[in-house]
Protein backbone atom coordinates (compact mmCIF):
# COMPACT_ATOMS: atom_id res chain seq x y z
CA MET A 1 0.00 0.00 0.00
CA THR A 2 1.46 3.35 -1.06
CA GLY A 3 1.94 6.25 1.34
CA HIS A 4 -0.95 8.14 -0.28
CA ARG A 5 -3.32 5.21 0.22
CA ARG A 6 -2.19 4.76 3.81
CA TRP A 7 -3.00 8.40 4.56
CA LEU A 8 -6.37 8.08 2.87
CA GLY A 9 -7.13 4.90 4.79
CA ALA A 10 -6.14 6.54 8.07
CA LEU A 11 -8.33 9.54 7.27
CA LEU A 12 -11.35 7.34 6.50
CA ALA A 13 -10.79 5.32 9.68
CA ALA A 14 -10.59 8.52 11.72
CA ALA A 15 -13.78 9.81 10.11
CA LEU A 16 -15.57 6.56 10.96
CA LEU A 17 -14.42 6.83 14.57
CA ALA A 18 -15.67 10.41 14.75
CA VAL A 19 -19.09 9.35 13.45
CA LEU A 20 -19.40 6.47 15.91
CA VAL A 21 -18.25 8.51 18.89
CA GLY A 22 -20.31 11.54 17.91
CA THR A 23 -23.58 9.60 17.75
CA THR A 24 -23.45 7.67 21.02
CA ALA A 25 -26.68 7.65 23.01
CA SER A 26 -27.33 10.29 25.65
CA SER A 27 -30.01 8.14 27.33
CA PRO A 28 -29.92 4.50 26.18
CA SER A 29 -31.79 1.43 27.35
CA VAL A 30 -31.67 0.65 31.06
CA ASP A 31 -29.69 -2.49 30.14
CA ALA A 32 -26.70 -0.50 28.92
CA ALA A 33 -27.16 2.25 31.50
CA SER A 34 -27.01 -0.25 34.35
CA ALA A 35 -23.64 -1.62 33.21
CA SER A 36 -22.33 1.92 32.91
CA LEU A 37 -23.61 2.75 36.40
CA GLN A 38 -21.71 -0.18 37.90
CA GLY A 39 -18.55 0.81 36.04
CA TRP A 40 -18.91 4.38 37.33
CA ARG A 41 -19.29 3.17 40.90
CA ILE A 42 -16.20 0.96 40.74
CA ALA A 43 -14.09 3.67 39.08
CA THR A 44 -15.08 6.42 41.52
CA SER A 45 -15.15 4.48 44.80
CA GLY A 46 -13.00 1.39 44.27
CA GLU A 47 -15.90 -0.88 45.23
CA PRO A 48 -19.10 -1.98 43.45
CA TRP A 49 -21.62 -1.67 46.31
CA LEU A 50 -24.57 0.64 45.67
CA GLU A 51 -26.61 0.55 48.87
CA ASP A 52 -25.40 4.01 49.90
CA VAL A 53 -25.96 5.48 46.42
CA ASP A 54 -29.18 7.44 45.84
CA LEU A 55 -30.09 6.23 42.37
CA ASP A 56 -32.91 8.77 42.19
CA ALA A 57 -30.22 11.46 42.23
CA THR A 58 -28.76 10.34 38.91
CA PRO A 59 -29.79 12.53 35.97
CA TYR A 60 -31.74 9.69 34.34
CA ASP A 61 -35.27 8.50 35.01
CA TYR A 62 -35.28 4.71 34.92
CA ASP A 63 -38.41 3.79 36.82
CA SER A 64 -40.14 1.31 34.53
CA PRO A 65 -38.02 -0.73 34.65
CA PRO A 66 -35.47 0.67 37.12
CA TYR A 67 -31.73 0.06 37.03
CA TRP A 68 -30.96 -3.66 37.03
CA THR A 69 -29.87 -3.80 40.66
CA GLY A 70 -30.43 -6.32 43.42
CA PRO A 71 -28.80 -7.94 46.46
CA SER A 72 -25.70 -10.06 45.94
CA GLU A 73 -24.80 -13.13 47.98
CA HIS A 74 -22.78 -10.76 50.19
CA GLY A 75 -25.94 -8.80 51.02
CA HIS A 76 -24.71 -5.75 49.04
CA GLU A 77 -26.74 -3.93 46.37
CA VAL A 78 -25.11 -4.39 42.96
CA VAL A 79 -25.91 -4.17 39.26
CA PHE A 80 -26.68 -7.48 37.56
CA ARG A 81 -24.97 -7.41 34.19
CA SER A 82 -22.31 -9.52 32.48
CA PRO A 83 -18.73 -9.23 33.80
CA GLY A 84 -17.10 -7.96 30.62
CA ILE A 85 -19.27 -4.92 29.94
CA THR A 86 -19.12 -3.84 33.58
CA ALA A 87 -15.33 -4.08 33.53
CA ALA A 88 -15.11 -2.34 30.16
CA SER A 89 -17.13 0.59 31.54
CA VAL A 90 -14.71 1.22 34.41
CA PRO A 91 -11.98 3.08 32.43
CA ALA A 92 -14.60 5.50 31.08
CA TYR A 93 -15.15 6.92 34.57
CA LEU A 94 -11.65 7.19 35.97
CA GLY A 95 -11.40 10.68 37.43
CA ALA A 96 -15.17 11.27 37.30
CA GLY A 97 -17.13 12.70 40.21
CA SER A 98 -18.45 10.29 42.84
CA ASP A 99 -21.73 12.09 43.46
CA PRO A 100 -24.70 10.29 41.78
CA ALA A 101 -25.57 13.58 40.10
CA ASP A 102 -22.19 13.39 38.33
CA PHE A 103 -22.97 10.08 36.65
CA ARG A 104 -23.25 10.28 32.87
CA ILE A 105 -23.89 7.49 30.40
CA ARG A 106 -21.99 8.91 27.44
CA PRO A 107 -18.41 8.18 28.66
CA ALA A 108 -19.10 4.43 28.57
CA GLY A 109 -20.78 4.94 25.20
CA VAL A 110 -17.59 6.49 23.85
CA VAL A 111 -15.61 3.44 25.01
CA ALA A 112 -18.21 1.21 23.32
CA ALA A 113 -17.86 3.19 20.08
CA VAL A 114 -14.08 2.76 20.14
CA ILE A 115 -14.41 -1.00 20.75
CA VAL A 116 -16.80 -1.39 17.82
CA TRP A 117 -14.52 0.76 15.65
CA LEU A 118 -11.65 -1.60 16.43
CA ALA A 119 -13.90 -4.55 15.53
CA VAL A 120 -14.61 -3.03 12.11
CA LEU A 121 -10.89 -2.46 11.52
CA LEU A 122 -10.21 -6.10 12.39
CA ILE A 123 -12.79 -7.26 9.83
CA PHE A 124 -11.24 -4.97 7.22
CA SER A 125 -7.78 -6.35 7.98
CA ALA A 126 -9.05 -9.95 7.76
CA LEU A 127 -10.62 -9.35 4.34
CA ARG A 128 -8.10 -7.04 2.67
CA PRO A 129 -5.54 -9.71 1.63
CA ARG A 130 -8.29 -11.63 -0.19
CA LEU A 131 -10.54 -8.86 -1.51
CA GLY A 132 -8.24 -5.87 -1.86
CA ALA A 133 -8.41 -2.63 0.10
CA ARG A 134 -11.33 -1.09 -1.81
CA LEU A 135 -13.77 -3.97 -1.59
CA ALA A 136 -12.75 -4.81 1.97
CA GLY A 137 -13.18 -1.15 2.87
CA GLY A 138 -16.64 -1.11 1.34
CA VAL A 139 -17.65 -4.17 3.33
CA ALA A 140 -16.30 -2.60 6.51
CA ALA A 141 -18.16 0.66 5.84
CA VAL A 142 -21.50 -1.08 5.29
CA LEU A 143 -20.91 -3.25 8.35
CA ALA A 144 -20.15 -0.20 10.49
CA LEU A 145 -22.80 2.19 9.20
CA GLY A 146 -25.44 0.00 7.57
CA THR A 147 -26.22 -2.36 10.45
CA PRO A 148 -27.14 -2.07 14.15
CA LEU A 149 -23.45 -2.18 14.95
CA TRP A 150 -23.87 1.59 14.71
CA SER A 151 -27.27 1.99 16.38
CA VAL A 152 -26.76 -0.59 19.16
CA ALA A 153 -23.25 -1.95 19.78
CA ALA A 154 -21.50 1.41 19.24
CA ASP A 155 -24.31 3.40 20.82
CA ALA A 156 -23.82 2.33 24.45
CA MET A 157 -22.17 -0.41 26.50
CA TRP A 158 -24.25 -3.43 25.47
CA PRO A 159 -23.03 -7.05 25.84
CA HIS A 160 -22.85 -7.05 22.03
CA THR A 161 -20.15 -4.39 22.16
CA LEU A 162 -17.76 -7.06 23.40
CA THR A 163 -19.19 -10.04 21.54
CA VAL A 164 -18.85 -8.38 18.14
CA PHE A 165 -15.30 -7.34 19.01
CA GLY A 166 -14.52 -10.91 20.00
CA LEU A 167 -15.95 -12.35 16.78
CA ALA A 168 -14.17 -9.78 14.63
CA GLY A 169 -10.94 -10.58 16.45
CA MET A 170 -11.50 -14.30 15.89
CA ALA A 171 -11.95 -13.70 12.16
CA TRP A 172 -8.81 -11.58 11.97
CA ALA A 173 -6.67 -14.04 13.92
CA ALA A 174 -8.08 -17.06 12.06
CA SER A 175 -7.32 -15.44 8.70
CA ARG A 176 -3.68 -15.39 9.81
CA ASP A 177 -3.65 -18.84 11.45
CA ARG A 178 -3.01 -17.27 14.85
CA TRP A 179 -5.13 -19.67 16.86
CA LEU A 180 -3.98 -18.76 20.34
CA LEU A 181 -4.86 -15.13 19.63
CA ALA A 182 -8.19 -16.23 18.17
CA GLY A 183 -8.91 -17.90 21.49
CA VAL A 184 -7.85 -14.83 23.47
CA LEU A 185 -10.04 -12.47 21.45
CA GLY A 186 -12.91 -14.92 21.57
CA GLY A 187 -12.40 -15.05 25.32
CA VAL A 188 -12.82 -11.29 25.51
CA GLY A 189 -16.09 -11.67 23.62
CA LEU A 190 -17.53 -14.36 25.88
CA THR A 191 -17.17 -12.08 28.90
CA GLY A 192 -19.90 -10.04 27.24
CA ARG A 193 -22.19 -13.04 26.79
CA LEU A 194 -21.13 -16.36 28.20
CA HIS A 195 -22.82 -18.43 25.50
CA LEU A 196 -20.52 -16.87 22.89
CA SER A 197 -18.26 -19.68 24.11
CA LEU A 198 -20.28 -21.87 21.71
CA ALA A 199 -19.02 -19.88 18.71
CA VAL A 200 -15.48 -19.93 20.09
CA ALA A 201 -15.61 -23.70 20.58
CA VAL A 202 -17.06 -24.27 17.11
CA LEU A 203 -14.23 -22.25 15.54
CA GLY A 204 -11.48 -24.25 17.22
CA THR A 205 -13.01 -27.69 16.78
CA GLY A 206 -14.38 -26.99 13.30
CA VAL A 207 -11.07 -25.83 11.86
CA GLY A 208 -9.29 -28.63 13.70
CA LEU A 209 -11.54 -31.21 12.08
CA ALA A 210 -11.24 -29.59 8.65
CA ARG A 211 -7.44 -29.67 8.86
CA ARG A 212 -7.20 -32.93 10.81
CA SER A 213 -5.07 -31.17 13.38
CA TRP A 214 -5.32 -30.71 17.13
CA ARG A 215 -3.41 -27.44 16.96
CA PRO A 216 -6.36 -25.04 16.39
CA VAL A 217 -8.46 -26.90 18.95
CA LEU A 218 -5.87 -26.74 21.71
CA LEU A 219 -4.70 -23.19 21.02
CA VAL A 220 -8.21 -21.71 20.84
CA ALA A 221 -9.07 -23.47 24.08
CA ALA A 222 -5.85 -22.32 25.73
CA GLY A 223 -6.55 -18.72 24.73
CA SER A 224 -10.22 -18.59 25.72
CA LEU A 225 -10.52 -20.70 28.86
CA PRO A 226 -8.61 -18.23 31.10
CA PHE A 227 -11.36 -15.71 30.39
CA LEU A 228 -13.90 -18.08 31.88
CA ALA A 229 -11.77 -18.13 35.00
CA LEU A 230 -11.49 -14.34 35.01
CA ALA A 231 -15.25 -13.98 34.59
CA ALA A 232 -15.83 -16.45 37.43
CA GLY A 233 -13.42 -14.52 39.68
CA TRP A 234 -15.16 -11.24 38.86
CA SER A 235 -18.53 -12.81 39.69
CA ARG A 236 -17.17 -14.12 42.97
CA TRP A 237 -16.03 -10.61 43.92
CA LEU A 238 -19.17 -8.81 42.76
CA TYR A 239 -21.93 -11.35 43.40
CA GLY A 240 -20.44 -13.79 45.89
CA GLU A 241 -20.69 -16.76 43.52
CA TRP A 242 -18.41 -18.38 40.96
CA ASP A 243 -20.84 -18.42 38.02
CA PRO A 244 -18.91 -16.89 35.05
CA ALA A 245 -22.21 -15.62 33.62
CA GLY A 246 -22.13 -12.95 36.30
CA GLY A 247 -25.40 -11.09 36.64
CA TYR A 248 -27.16 -12.95 33.86
CA PRO A 249 -29.74 -15.68 34.65
CA GLN A 250 -28.32 -19.01 35.66
CA ALA A 251 -28.15 -21.94 33.27
CA ASP A 252 -31.16 -23.55 34.94
CA ALA A 253 -33.25 -20.41 34.33
CA TYR A 254 -32.39 -20.53 30.63
CA ALA A 255 -33.10 -24.26 30.51
CA GLU A 256 -36.47 -23.71 32.17
CA ARG A 257 -37.40 -21.12 29.55
CA ALA A 258 -36.32 -23.39 26.72
CA THR A 259 -38.28 -26.37 28.02
CA SER A 260 -41.38 -24.48 29.14
CA GLN A 261 -42.30 -23.32 25.63
CA SER A 262 -44.27 -25.36 23.15
CA LEU A 263 -42.57 -26.43 19.95
CA LEU A 264 -44.65 -23.91 18.00
CA ASP A 265 -43.66 -21.07 20.33
CA THR A 266 -40.02 -22.09 20.09
CA LEU A 267 -40.09 -22.11 16.30
CA ALA A 268 -41.91 -18.78 16.20
CA ASN A 269 -39.31 -17.26 18.50
CA GLU A 270 -36.48 -18.57 16.34
CA ALA A 271 -38.21 -17.20 13.24
CA GLY A 272 -38.56 -13.82 14.92
CA LEU A 273 -34.78 -13.47 15.05
CA TRP A 274 -34.71 -13.73 11.25
CA VAL A 275 -37.89 -12.26 9.79
CA SER A 276 -39.89 -10.26 12.36
CA LEU A 277 -40.67 -6.84 10.95
CA ASP A 278 -38.75 -4.82 13.55
CA ARG A 279 -36.13 -7.27 14.82
CA GLY A 280 -35.54 -9.57 11.87
CA PHE A 281 -31.95 -9.96 10.72
CA LEU A 282 -32.98 -10.38 7.08
CA VAL A 283 -35.37 -7.40 7.23
CA TRP A 284 -32.69 -4.96 8.36
CA THR A 285 -29.81 -6.59 6.41
CA PRO A 286 -31.13 -7.30 2.89
CA VAL A 287 -27.60 -7.45 1.44
CA ALA A 288 -27.37 -10.85 3.13
CA VAL A 289 -30.39 -12.00 1.11
CA LEU A 290 -28.83 -10.76 -2.13
CA LEU A 291 -25.57 -12.56 -1.37
CA LEU A 292 -27.07 -15.87 -0.28
CA PRO A 293 -26.92 -17.48 -3.77
CA ALA A 294 -23.31 -16.31 -4.14
CA LEU A 295 -22.52 -17.75 -0.72
CA VAL A 296 -23.86 -21.12 -1.83
CA ARG A 297 -21.89 -20.98 -5.10
CA SER A 298 -18.69 -19.94 -3.39
CA TRP A 299 -18.96 -22.29 -0.41
CA ARG A 300 -16.30 -24.76 -1.53
CA HIS A 301 -13.95 -21.88 -2.36
CA GLN A 302 -14.29 -20.25 1.07
CA PRO A 303 -11.44 -20.56 3.58
CA ASP A 304 -12.25 -23.13 6.23
CA TRP A 305 -12.33 -20.61 9.08
CA ALA A 306 -14.96 -18.48 7.29
CA ARG A 307 -17.21 -21.51 6.77
CA VAL A 308 -16.77 -22.60 10.38
CA MET A 309 -17.64 -19.10 11.61
CA VAL A 310 -20.94 -19.34 9.70
CA LEU A 311 -21.66 -22.61 11.49
CA GLY A 312 -20.72 -21.11 14.85
CA GLY A 313 -22.98 -18.12 14.25
CA LEU A 314 -25.91 -20.36 13.39
CA VAL A 315 -25.39 -22.52 16.47
CA TYR A 316 -25.15 -19.43 18.66
CA THR A 317 -28.32 -17.96 17.14
CA VAL A 318 -30.37 -21.12 17.68
CA VAL A 319 -29.30 -21.20 21.32
CA GLN A 320 -30.00 -17.49 21.61
CA GLY A 321 -33.55 -18.12 20.45
CA LEU A 322 -34.00 -20.82 23.08
CA MET A 323 -32.73 -18.57 25.86
CA ASN A 324 -34.22 -15.15 25.05
CA HIS A 325 -37.31 -13.59 23.59
CA PHE A 326 -36.41 -12.76 19.99
CA ALA A 327 -37.22 -9.05 20.36
CA GLY A 328 -34.49 -8.51 22.95
CA GLY A 329 -36.40 -5.86 24.86
CA SER A 330 -37.01 -2.23 23.97
CA ALA A 331 -35.26 1.15 23.68
CA PHE A 332 -32.91 0.36 20.82
CA TYR A 333 -33.08 0.74 17.04
CA GLY A 334 -32.85 -2.32 14.80
CA TYR A 335 -31.96 -5.80 16.05
CA ARG A 336 -29.49 -6.72 18.75
CA LEU A 337 -29.72 -10.46 19.47
CA THR A 338 -28.46 -11.34 16.00
CA LEU A 339 -25.49 -8.99 15.96
CA GLU A 340 -23.32 -12.02 16.67
CA LEU A 341 -24.86 -13.75 13.65
CA LEU A 342 -24.02 -10.68 11.57
CA LEU A 343 -20.35 -10.80 12.53
CA SER A 344 -20.17 -14.56 12.04
CA LEU A 345 -21.58 -14.30 8.52
CA THR A 346 -19.71 -11.19 7.40
CA PRO A 347 -16.42 -12.82 6.29
CA ALA A 348 -18.16 -15.51 4.22
CA LEU A 349 -20.67 -13.08 2.70
CA ALA A 350 -17.89 -10.65 1.82
CA LEU A 351 -15.78 -13.39 0.23
CA ALA A 352 -18.85 -14.43 -1.77
CA VAL A 353 -19.15 -11.01 -3.47
CA PRO A 354 -16.86 -11.94 -6.42
CA HIS A 355 -19.13 -14.94 -7.07
CA ALA A 356 -22.35 -12.91 -7.15
CA GLY A 357 -24.45 -12.93 -10.30
CA ARG A 358 -24.97 -9.92 -12.53
CA LEU A 359 -28.31 -8.97 -11.00
CA ALA A 360 -27.00 -9.19 -7.45
CA ARG A 361 -23.85 -7.19 -8.31
CA SER A 362 -26.00 -4.49 -9.86
CA ALA A 363 -28.36 -4.31 -6.89
CA LEU A 364 -25.82 -4.58 -4.08
CA PRO A 365 -24.53 -0.97 -4.09
CA PHE A 366 -28.04 0.48 -4.11
CA VAL A 367 -29.32 -1.85 -1.39
CA ALA A 368 -26.22 -1.27 0.73
CA GLY A 369 -26.75 2.47 0.42
CA LEU A 370 -30.36 2.08 1.54
CA GLN A 371 -29.20 0.06 4.52
CA VAL A 372 -26.84 2.84 5.56
CA GLY A 373 -29.59 5.41 5.18
CA ALA A 374 -32.07 3.41 7.23
CA THR A 375 -29.55 2.81 9.99
CA ALA A 376 -28.40 6.43 10.04
CA VAL A 377 -31.90 7.74 10.78
CA GLY A 378 -32.05 5.86 14.06
CA ALA A 379 -28.38 6.18 14.98
CA VAL A 380 -28.01 9.90 14.37
CA PHE A 381 -31.33 10.94 15.89
CA ASP A 382 -31.07 8.43 18.76
CA SER A 383 -34.37 6.72 18.01
CA PRO A 384 -35.57 4.38 20.79
CA GLY A 385 -37.12 2.04 18.24
CA LEU A 386 -40.36 0.16 18.90
CA PRO A 387 -41.44 -1.60 22.10
CA LEU A 388 -41.04 -5.35 22.41
CA GLU A 389 -44.72 -6.11 21.88
CA ARG A 390 -44.67 -4.53 18.40
CA ALA A 391 -41.67 -6.43 17.08
CA TRP A 392 -43.78 -8.53 14.69
CA THR A 393 -46.25 -5.88 13.54
CA GLY A 394 -44.26 -2.68 13.07
CA ASN A 395 -40.91 -1.40 11.85
CA ALA A 396 -39.20 1.58 13.47
CA PHE A 397 -37.73 2.93 10.24
CA LEU A 398 -40.96 2.63 8.23
CA GLU A 399 -42.86 4.41 10.97
CA ILE A 400 -40.33 7.24 10.88
CA LEU A 401 -40.83 7.53 7.11
CA VAL A 402 -44.61 7.59 7.52
CA GLY A 403 -44.35 10.29 10.16
CA ALA A 404 -41.79 12.32 8.18
CA PRO A 405 -42.23 11.50 4.46
CA VAL A 406 -39.73 14.23 3.63
CA LEU A 407 -37.04 11.68 4.56
CA VAL A 408 -37.98 9.34 1.71
CA GLY A 409 -36.02 11.39 -0.81
CA PRO A 410 -32.76 11.50 1.21
CA TRP A 411 -33.11 7.79 1.94
CA LEU A 412 -33.39 6.93 -1.77
CA LEU A 413 -30.47 9.28 -2.41
CA CYS A 414 -28.38 7.10 -0.08
CA GLY A 415 -29.02 4.19 -2.44
CA PHE A 416 -27.89 6.18 -5.48
CA LEU A 417 -24.83 7.39 -3.58
CA GLY A 418 -23.95 3.75 -2.94
CA VAL A 419 -24.05 3.12 -6.70
CA LEU A 420 -21.96 6.23 -7.37
CA VAL A 421 -19.30 5.28 -4.84
CA VAL A 422 -18.95 1.79 -6.34
CA ARG A 423 -18.63 3.20 -9.86
CA VAL A 424 -15.94 5.66 -8.77
CA LEU A 425 -14.00 2.85 -7.10
CA ALA A 426 -14.45 0.62 -10.16
CA ASP A 427 -13.03 3.36 -12.39
CA GLY A 428 -10.00 3.48 -10.13
CA THR A 429 -9.39 -0.27 -10.14
CA GLY A 430 -10.36 -1.30 -13.65
CA GLN A 431 -12.39 -4.28 -14.77
CA ALA A 432 -9.54 -6.70 -14.22
CA SER A 433 -9.97 -6.50 -10.45
CA ARG A 434 -12.91 -8.87 -10.28
CA PRO A 435 -11.17 -11.98 -11.69
CA SER A 436 -8.12 -11.42 -9.52
CA THR A 437 -10.34 -11.04 -6.46
CA ALA A 438 -12.17 -14.25 -7.24
CA GLU A 439 -8.88 -16.04 -7.73
CA ALA A 440 -7.70 -14.77 -4.36
CA VAL A 441 -10.83 -16.12 -2.71
CA ASP A 442 -10.60 -19.44 -4.55
CA SER A 443 -6.98 -19.94 -3.53
CA ALA A 444 -7.58 -19.08 0.12
CA PRO A 445 -8.34 -22.65 1.30
CA GLU A 446 -5.15 -24.01 -0.28
CA GLN A 447 -3.11 -21.20 1.25
CA ALA A 448 -4.70 -21.81 4.62
CA HIS A 449 -3.90 -25.53 4.54
CA GLN A 450 -0.31 -24.79 3.57
CA ARG A 451 0.05 -22.44 6.55
CA GLY A 452 -1.75 -24.84 8.90
């Protein structure tokens, strides 16, 4: 990469960071606010206990529901959230005031935005050797600005802030055959949601089986298992118990939910993760639908780690649907429970682009531009989205368009801008870039096996 391109890349990365940081939520869901509150308390007092903190004195009104607090096994009042996001919030409040009136949510949101920004850079770095800087950069831009990575994970300190970073790190490390580091970064992710350990385990064992080698299995395990111990130690300190899930429901609570539903309810809940009008992954991410045929055609050409990440994402999503209501609550824009699916699919979908048919290649820039426009409306204007009970029947973006039809024109313009950007990049690369990109993707499995 020439010096000019490096400067341009650095400038674009800095601009992306500025957008993510500049649009963090001022008053997010109580889920994210609670984790930030606990981080503030630890940073400003050195201890997590909240019984002497007047929560009504904070500048936020969380009454229905209130902050996620309750008594620990020690008898202290604490916030019940996952270990990783509580710990990640602590640096945001170093040097902040200790009076409850001094508590602000945005500092933790800025840290979340930086973490998601790093995740996007890791995806770009994983894809660039195979797709080239321009196409990899386009994928990274749509991932960052055309999905709820922007409106949820980078908006405040959600569990998904860490899980998407962990998955992006796994993709980056796997693309370089750095399996111990893949385990370490996956370990960071599972401190955000413990069941991300399923995706981490699938990566190690899946690649190990594909290559008939114990090396990926053992190194991924060696890198990730210490984070289970760290999470358990944090839970022991904060909650008085060794459960690495921290403040999340225990395994038996999840099992009870999974077994108490009828088969029809279970299937409907799983379907809601994919196609519900306001929380459906495919509804908000139509580029995935366009690329599905190309993914099928390119499957045997995909590097093994990309295929295994797809499998891990699907396993994680099925389990997610058994454990949680598909809507994932309220007070956020877009989906959140399938953000891990998004990151798991991104490498394979991106590597499938050179195999897309003519119709899909023509539609992709326009659809990607529309995705960015739809996401921007909620992310920039801090839309709270729709309540849980309307997840099947309404869509937050469509309701905004109905209420403000003047936005239809700018939204369509985003689609045309997507087409324009792709044409400008194509003029700079020439028509010969597509065959070379496809060849790079096709040769990736052989290169991976040679390195492994």
